[in-house]
Amino acid sequence: MSDADSARHHPRATAEPQAGAAAAGGTATETTGPLTHIASALRRERQRAGMSLTELARRAGVAKSTLSQLESAAGNPSVETLWALSVALDVPFALLVQPARPQVQLVRAGEGPRFAADRADYLATVLSTCPPNARRDLYLITAEPGPARESDPHMPGVVEHVVLSAGRALVGPSDDPAELAPGDYIAYPGDLPHVFEALDPGTTAVLVSEHT
């Protein structure tokens, strides 16, 4: 039996009609929230599984155009389509249709474990480590002018996201860093050599290391 057939004959496929109806029916205003979450969840889980649109559509037995619409928060997904996609992605049905309930974690300035660099005035404070089944770490960076923090490539697929909070800094690939001012954001491959060089005293930034 194929993944798509498994989804269509899943014993719970007819036990969740309201979840599919919420995504498929109602007015545009009523469906905006669920469709946005479904689109985000599909993109996230597909990328996490390392599948292309074509491959996921093939495994789930749905049209590629349908999947593309869903990842764009458009269309009217049926229960059967969502079940087929959840089976192909090997994730619970609820993960695609129900937004996660966020947990509040408060870290005051000056708190959290800190790690200093050997050859730069650079201090990294861990704000949030990667929980099970997630792939990201969150850091608060404080740095002063002087030798740059030069990082060797991390594991394949890592992407780093930086938002500068205060000061100025050169951030990004070692061969082409960008000068950031407060409020600027940059994302770059963490699996290539990269650099963080403070240009002003009291430079701070938030760094998210994303593992795909």
C-alpha atoms as a PDB file:
ATOM      1  CA  MET A   1       0.000   0.000   0.000  1.00  0.00           C
ATOM      2  CA  SER A   2       1.397   3.439  -0.916  1.00  0.00           C
ATOM      3  CA  ASP A   3       1.790   6.339   1.522  1.00  0.00           C
ATOM      4  CA  ALA A   4      -1.159   8.053  -0.126  1.00  0.00           C
ATOM      5  CA  ASP A   5      -3.319   4.911   0.224  1.00  0.00           C
ATOM      6  CA  SER A   6      -2.258   4.603   3.860  1.00  0.00           C
ATOM      7  CA  ALA A   7      -3.406   8.152   4.452  1.00  0.00           C
ATOM      8  CA  ARG A   8      -6.759   7.577   2.756  1.00  0.00           C
ATOM      9  CA  HIS A   9      -7.366   4.424   4.802  1.00  0.00           C
ATOM     10  CA  HIS A  10      -5.923   5.713   8.062  1.00  0.00           C
ATOM     11  CA  PRO A  11      -8.299   4.713  10.889  1.00  0.00           C
ATOM     12  CA  ARG A  12      -8.407   8.284  12.181  1.00  0.00           C
ATOM     13  CA  ALA A  13      -8.906   9.918   8.792  1.00  0.00           C
ATOM     14  CA  THR A  14     -12.676  10.105   9.264  1.00  0.00           C
ATOM     15  CA  ALA A  15     -12.457  10.914  12.953  1.00  0.00           C
ATOM     16  CA  GLU A  16     -11.072  14.419  12.449  1.00  0.00           C
ATOM     17  CA  PRO A  17     -13.593  16.104  10.114  1.00  0.00           C
ATOM     18  CA  GLN A  18     -13.737  19.344  12.079  1.00  0.00           C
ATOM     19  CA  ALA A  19     -10.015  19.950  11.722  1.00  0.00           C
ATOM     20  CA  GLY A  20     -10.237  19.642   7.955  1.00  0.00           C
ATOM     21  CA  ALA A  21     -13.469  21.628   7.807  1.00  0.00           C
ATOM     22  CA  ALA A  22     -11.874  24.450   9.739  1.00  0.00           C
ATOM     23  CA  ALA A  23      -9.143  24.640   7.136  1.00  0.00           C
ATOM     24  CA  ALA A  24     -11.367  24.033   4.140  1.00  0.00           C
ATOM     25  CA  GLY A  25     -14.599  25.835   4.935  1.00  0.00           C
ATOM     26  CA  GLY A  26     -15.744  29.176   6.249  1.00  0.00           C
ATOM     27  CA  THR A  27     -15.014  32.684   5.085  1.00  0.00           C
ATOM     28  CA  ALA A  28     -11.641  33.996   3.996  1.00  0.00           C
ATOM     29  CA  THR A  29     -11.279  35.743   7.347  1.00  0.00           C
ATOM     30  CA  GLU A  30     -12.040  32.549   9.255  1.00  0.00           C
ATOM     31  CA  THR A  31      -9.541  30.454   7.279  1.00  0.00           C
ATOM     32  CA  THR A  32      -6.634  32.889   7.128  1.00  0.00           C
ATOM     33  CA  GLY A  33      -5.182  31.739  10.452  1.00  0.00           C
ATOM     34  CA  PRO A  34      -5.432  27.956   9.852  1.00  0.00           C
ATOM     35  CA  LEU A  35      -4.228  28.217   6.253  1.00  0.00           C
ATOM     36  CA  THR A  36      -1.241  30.314   7.285  1.00  0.00           C
ATOM     37  CA  HIS A  37      -0.295  27.773   9.941  1.00  0.00           C
ATOM     38  CA  ILE A  38      -0.759  24.846   7.538  1.00  0.00           C
ATOM     39  CA  ALA A  39       1.423  26.578   4.933  1.00  0.00           C
ATOM     40  CA  SER A  40       4.154  27.271   7.469  1.00  0.00           C
ATOM     41  CA  ALA A  41       4.004  23.755   8.919  1.00  0.00           C
ATOM     42  CA  LEU A  42       4.152  22.108   5.487  1.00  0.00           C
ATOM     43  CA  ARG A  43       7.159  24.170   4.389  1.00  0.00           C
ATOM     44  CA  ARG A  44       8.970  23.576   7.691  1.00  0.00           C
ATOM     45  CA  GLU A  45       8.383  19.818   7.811  1.00  0.00           C
ATOM     46  CA  ARG A  46       9.114  19.317   4.107  1.00  0.00           C
ATOM     47  CA  GLN A  47      12.420  21.167   4.397  1.00  0.00           C
ATOM     48  CA  ARG A  48      13.242  19.310   7.605  1.00  0.00           C
ATOM     49  CA  ALA A  49      12.650  16.015   5.775  1.00  0.00           C
ATOM     50  CA  GLY A  50      14.837  17.201   2.893  1.00  0.00           C
ATOM     51  CA  MET A  51      12.076  16.765   0.304  1.00  0.00           C
ATOM     52  CA  SER A  52      11.326  18.858  -2.745  1.00  0.00           C
ATOM     53  CA  LEU A  53       7.780  19.893  -3.630  1.00  0.00           C
ATOM     54  CA  THR A  54       7.799  17.280  -6.363  1.00  0.00           C
ATOM     55  CA  GLU A  55       8.950  14.486  -4.061  1.00  0.00           C
ATOM     56  CA  LEU A  56       6.449  15.240  -1.297  1.00  0.00           C
ATOM     57  CA  ALA A  57       3.611  15.534  -3.795  1.00  0.00           C
ATOM     58  CA  ARG A  58       4.597  12.167  -5.293  1.00  0.00           C
ATOM     59  CA  ARG A  59       4.788  10.428  -1.916  1.00  0.00           C
ATOM     60  CA  ALA A  60       1.484  11.872  -0.750  1.00  0.00           C
ATOM     61  CA  GLY A  61      -0.292  11.221  -4.039  1.00  0.00           C
ATOM     62  CA  VAL A  62      -1.385  14.845  -4.468  1.00  0.00           C
ATOM     63  CA  ALA A  63      -0.835  17.228  -7.351  1.00  0.00           C
ATOM     64  CA  LYS A  64       2.293  19.366  -7.119  1.00  0.00           C
ATOM     65  CA  SER A  65       0.175  22.431  -7.928  1.00  0.00           C
ATOM     66  CA  THR A  66      -2.076  21.616  -4.951  1.00  0.00           C
ATOM     67  CA  LEU A  67       0.895  21.347  -2.613  1.00  0.00           C
ATOM     68  CA  SER A  68       2.349  24.577  -3.976  1.00  0.00           C
ATOM     69  CA  GLN A  69      -0.953  26.344  -3.285  1.00  0.00           C
ATOM     70  CA  LEU A  70      -1.086  24.978   0.255  1.00  0.00           C
ATOM     71  CA  GLU A  71       2.447  26.170   0.988  1.00  0.00           C
ATOM     72  CA  SER A  72       1.334  29.602  -0.230  1.00  0.00           C
ATOM     73  CA  ALA A  73      -1.614  29.597   2.216  1.00  0.00           C
ATOM     74  CA  ALA A  74      -4.111  29.212  -0.625  1.00  0.00           C
ATOM     75  CA  GLY A  75      -6.596  26.548  -1.648  1.00  0.00           C
ATOM     76  CA  ASN A  76      -9.011  24.460   0.397  1.00  0.00           C
ATOM     77  CA  PRO A  77      -7.194  21.418   1.798  1.00  0.00           C
ATOM     78  CA  SER A  78      -9.367  18.393   2.509  1.00  0.00           C
ATOM     79  CA  VAL A  79      -8.899  16.054   5.445  1.00  0.00           C
ATOM     80  CA  GLU A  80      -7.726  13.364   3.035  1.00  0.00           C
ATOM     81  CA  THR A  81      -5.085  15.638   1.486  1.00  0.00           C
ATOM     82  CA  LEU A  82      -3.748  16.732   4.870  1.00  0.00           C
ATOM     83  CA  TRP A  83      -3.686  13.150   6.144  1.00  0.00           C
ATOM     84  CA  ALA A  84      -1.793  12.047   3.045  1.00  0.00           C
ATOM     85  CA  LEU A  85       0.753  14.823   3.563  1.00  0.00           C
ATOM     86  CA  SER A  86       1.155  14.071   7.278  1.00  0.00           C
ATOM     87  CA  VAL A  87       1.784  10.370   6.501  1.00  0.00           C
ATOM     88  CA  ALA A  88       4.289  11.222   3.758  1.00  0.00           C
ATOM     89  CA  LEU A  89       6.092  13.593   6.133  1.00  0.00           C
ATOM     90  CA  ASP A  90       5.844  11.107   9.034  1.00  0.00           C
ATOM     91  CA  VAL A  91       4.408  13.733  11.378  1.00  0.00           C
ATOM     92  CA  PRO A  92       1.168  13.807  13.416  1.00  0.00           C
ATOM     93  CA  PHE A  93      -1.872  15.213  11.617  1.00  0.00           C
ATOM     94  CA  ALA A  94      -2.324  17.783  14.404  1.00  0.00           C
ATOM     95  CA  LEU A  95       1.141  19.190  13.766  1.00  0.00           C
ATOM     96  CA  LEU A  96      -0.044  20.460  10.380  1.00  0.00           C
ATOM     97  CA  VAL A  97      -3.367  21.944  11.465  1.00  0.00           C
ATOM     98  CA  GLN A  98      -2.976  23.158  15.060  1.00  0.00           C
ATOM     99  CA  PRO A  99      -0.635  26.015  16.020  1.00  0.00           C
ATOM    100  CA  ALA A 100       1.737  25.085  18.816  1.00  0.00           C
ATOM    101  CA  ARG A 101       1.096  26.708  22.187  1.00  0.00           C
ATOM    102  CA  PRO A 102       4.155  28.845  22.873  1.00  0.00           C
ATOM    103  CA  GLN A 103       5.904  28.604  26.243  1.00  0.00           C
ATOM    104  CA  VAL A 104       7.179  31.807  27.823  1.00  0.00           C
ATOM    105  CA  GLN A 105      10.878  31.891  28.676  1.00  0.00           C
ATOM    106  CA  LEU A 106      12.271  35.074  30.203  1.00  0.00           C
ATOM    107  CA  VAL A 107      16.010  35.743  30.428  1.00  0.00           C
ATOM    108  CA  ARG A 108      16.966  39.062  32.016  1.00  0.00           C
ATOM    109  CA  ALA A 109      19.913  41.078  30.712  1.00  0.00           C
ATOM    110  CA  GLY A 110      23.110  39.763  32.272  1.00  0.00           C
ATOM    111  CA  GLU A 111      21.684  36.311  32.957  1.00  0.00           C
ATOM    112  CA  GLY A 112      22.362  33.048  31.157  1.00  0.00           C
ATOM    113  CA  PRO A 113      25.556  31.022  30.606  1.00  0.00           C
ATOM    114  CA  ARG A 114      28.275  32.975  28.820  1.00  0.00           C
ATOM    115  CA  PHE A 115      31.166  31.875  26.641  1.00  0.00           C
ATOM    116  CA  ALA A 116      34.081  34.114  25.657  1.00  0.00           C
ATOM    117  CA  ALA A 117      36.250  33.919  22.547  1.00  0.00           C
ATOM    118  CA  ASP A 118      39.994  33.321  22.896  1.00  0.00           C
ATOM    119  CA  ARG A 119      41.199  35.933  20.412  1.00  0.00           C
ATOM    120  CA  ALA A 120      38.446  38.542  20.337  1.00  0.00           C
ATOM    121  CA  ASP A 121      36.482  40.680  22.798  1.00  0.00           C
ATOM    122  CA  TYR A 122      33.382  38.623  22.071  1.00  0.00           C
ATOM    123  CA  LEU A 123      30.912  37.145  24.538  1.00  0.00           C
ATOM    124  CA  ALA A 124      28.071  34.765  23.618  1.00  0.00           C
ATOM    125  CA  THR A 125      25.198  34.267  26.068  1.00  0.00           C
ATOM    126  CA  VAL A 126      23.010  31.217  25.496  1.00  0.00           C
ATOM    127  CA  LEU A 127      19.369  32.314  25.632  1.00  0.00           C
ATOM    128  CA  SER A 128      17.656  29.141  24.433  1.00  0.00           C
ATOM    129  CA  THR A 129      19.120  25.775  23.514  1.00  0.00           C
ATOM    130  CA  CYS A 130      17.652  23.495  20.901  1.00  0.00           C
ATOM    131  CA  PRO A 131      14.815  21.391  22.397  1.00  0.00           C
ATOM    132  CA  PRO A 132      14.069  17.829  21.254  1.00  0.00           C
ATOM    133  CA  ASN A 133      12.758  17.590  17.678  1.00  0.00           C
ATOM    134  CA  ALA A 134      13.694  21.222  16.972  1.00  0.00           C
ATOM    135  CA  ARG A 135      16.725  22.553  15.151  1.00  0.00           C
ATOM    136  CA  ARG A 136      17.715  25.988  16.344  1.00  0.00           C
ATOM    137  CA  ASP A 137      19.814  27.672  19.000  1.00  0.00           C
ATOM    138  CA  LEU A 138      19.387  31.286  20.125  1.00  0.00           C
ATOM    139  CA  TYR A 139      22.245  33.499  21.319  1.00  0.00           C
ATOM    140  CA  LEU A 140      22.735  37.050  22.589  1.00  0.00           C
ATOM    141  CA  ILE A 141      26.023  38.415  21.215  1.00  0.00           C
ATOM    142  CA  THR A 142      28.004  41.243  22.819  1.00  0.00           C
ATOM    143  CA  ALA A 143      31.199  42.383  21.115  1.00  0.00           C
ATOM    144  CA  GLU A 144      33.733  45.226  21.148  1.00  0.00           C
ATOM    145  CA  PRO A 145      35.953  46.646  18.377  1.00  0.00           C
ATOM    146  CA  GLY A 146      39.173  44.717  17.840  1.00  0.00           C
ATOM    147  CA  PRO A 147      39.997  41.349  16.308  1.00  0.00           C
ATOM    148  CA  ALA A 148      37.039  39.857  14.510  1.00  0.00           C
ATOM    149  CA  ARG A 149      35.332  36.666  15.602  1.00  0.00           C
ATOM    150  CA  GLU A 150      36.152  34.348  12.689  1.00  0.00           C
ATOM    151  CA  SER A 151      34.170  31.105  12.610  1.00  0.00           C
ATOM    152  CA  ASP A 152      35.024  27.930  10.746  1.00  0.00           C
ATOM    153  CA  PRO A 153      32.215  26.228   8.795  1.00  0.00           C
ATOM    154  CA  HIS A 154      29.633  24.445  10.916  1.00  0.00           C
ATOM    155  CA  MET A 155      27.838  21.235   9.938  1.00  0.00           C
ATOM    156  CA  PRO A 156      26.266  21.116   6.458  1.00  0.00           C
ATOM    157  CA  GLY A 157      22.913  22.873   6.155  1.00  0.00           C
ATOM    158  CA  VAL A 158      23.345  25.308   9.046  1.00  0.00           C
ATOM    159  CA  VAL A 159      21.970  28.807   8.433  1.00  0.00           C
ATOM    160  CA  GLU A 160      22.695  31.690  10.803  1.00  0.00           C
ATOM    161  CA  HIS A 161      20.288  34.593  11.306  1.00  0.00           C
ATOM    162  CA  VAL A 162      21.533  37.806  12.966  1.00  0.00           C
ATOM    163  CA  VAL A 163      19.594  40.883  14.064  1.00  0.00           C
ATOM    164  CA  LEU A 164      21.793  43.734  15.275  1.00  0.00           C
ATOM    165  CA  SER A 165      20.473  45.402  18.414  1.00  0.00           C
ATOM    166  CA  ALA A 166      23.046  48.131  19.085  1.00  0.00           C
ATOM    167  CA  GLY A 167      26.288  49.460  17.617  1.00  0.00           C
ATOM    168  CA  ARG A 168      27.609  48.472  14.191  1.00  0.00           C
ATOM    169  CA  ALA A 169      29.201  45.270  12.935  1.00  0.00           C
ATOM    170  CA  LEU A 170      30.471  43.444   9.877  1.00  0.00           C
ATOM    171  CA  VAL A 171      28.562  40.164   9.740  1.00  0.00           C
ATOM    172  CA  GLY A 172      28.228  37.345   7.229  1.00  0.00           C
ATOM    173  CA  PRO A 173      30.411  35.251   4.916  1.00  0.00           C
ATOM    174  CA  SER A 174      34.103  35.916   5.523  1.00  0.00           C
ATOM    175  CA  ASP A 175      34.662  36.913   1.901  1.00  0.00           C
ATOM    176  CA  ASP A 176      31.697  39.307   1.748  1.00  0.00           C
ATOM    177  CA  PRO A 177      30.353  40.447   5.143  1.00  0.00           C
ATOM    178  CA  ALA A 178      27.695  43.153   5.361  1.00  0.00           C
ATOM    179  CA  GLU A 179      27.874  46.197   7.636  1.00  0.00           C
ATOM    180  CA  LEU A 180      24.863  46.120   9.940  1.00  0.00           C
ATOM    181  CA  ALA A 181      23.257  48.938  11.904  1.00  0.00           C
ATOM    182  CA  PRO A 182      20.687  48.527  14.716  1.00  0.00           C
ATOM    183  CA  GLY A 183      17.598  46.755  13.417  1.00  0.00           C
ATOM    184  CA  ASP A 184      19.365  45.256  10.395  1.00  0.00           C
ATOM    185  CA  TYR A 185      18.956  41.526   9.776  1.00  0.00           C
ATOM    186  CA  ILE A 186      21.115  39.123   7.800  1.00  0.00           C
ATOM    187  CA  ALA A 187      20.936  35.388   7.107  1.00  0.00           C
ATOM    188  CA  TYR A 188      23.877  33.480   5.680  1.00  0.00           C
ATOM    189  CA  PRO A 189      25.191  29.911   5.294  1.00  0.00           C
ATOM    190  CA  GLY A 190      26.790  28.790   8.531  1.00  0.00           C
ATOM    191  CA  ASP A 191      28.493  25.918   6.719  1.00  0.00           C
ATOM    192  CA  LEU A 192      30.875  28.401   5.088  1.00  0.00           C
ATOM    193  CA  PRO A 193      33.544  30.522   6.848  1.00  0.00           C
ATOM    194  CA  HIS A 194      31.845  33.537   8.456  1.00  0.00           C
ATOM    195  CA  VAL A 195      32.711  36.506  10.603  1.00  0.00           C
ATOM    196  CA  PHE A 196      31.345  38.877  13.246  1.00  0.00           C
ATOM    197  CA  GLU A 197      33.399  42.058  13.699  1.00  0.00           C
ATOM    198  CA  ALA A 198      32.189  44.822  16.021  1.00  0.00           C
ATOM    199  CA  LEU A 199      32.776  48.333  14.686  1.00  0.00           C
ATOM    200  CA  ASP A 200      31.349  50.319  17.603  1.00  0.00           C
ATOM    201  CA  PRO A 201      31.712  49.873  21.369  1.00  0.00           C
ATOM    202  CA  GLY A 202      28.777  48.124  23.014  1.00  0.00           C
ATOM    203  CA  THR A 203      27.709  46.217  19.919  1.00  0.00           C
ATOM    204  CA  THR A 204      24.996  43.640  20.647  1.00  0.00           C
ATOM    205  CA  ALA A 205      23.043  41.260  18.433  1.00  0.00           C
ATOM    206  CA  VAL A 206      20.740  38.262  18.523  1.00  0.00           C
ATOM    207  CA  LEU A 207      21.972  35.217  16.600  1.00  0.00           C
ATOM    208  CA  VAL A 208      19.812  32.224  15.674  1.00  0.00           C
ATOM    209  CA  SER A 209      21.648  29.135  14.450  1.00  0.00           C
ATOM    210  CA  GLU A 210      19.229  27.076  12.366  1.00  0.00           C
ATOM    211  CA  HIS A 211      19.964  23.383  11.759  1.00  0.00           C
ATOM    212  CA  THR A 212      18.179  21.943   8.726  1.00  0.00           C
END
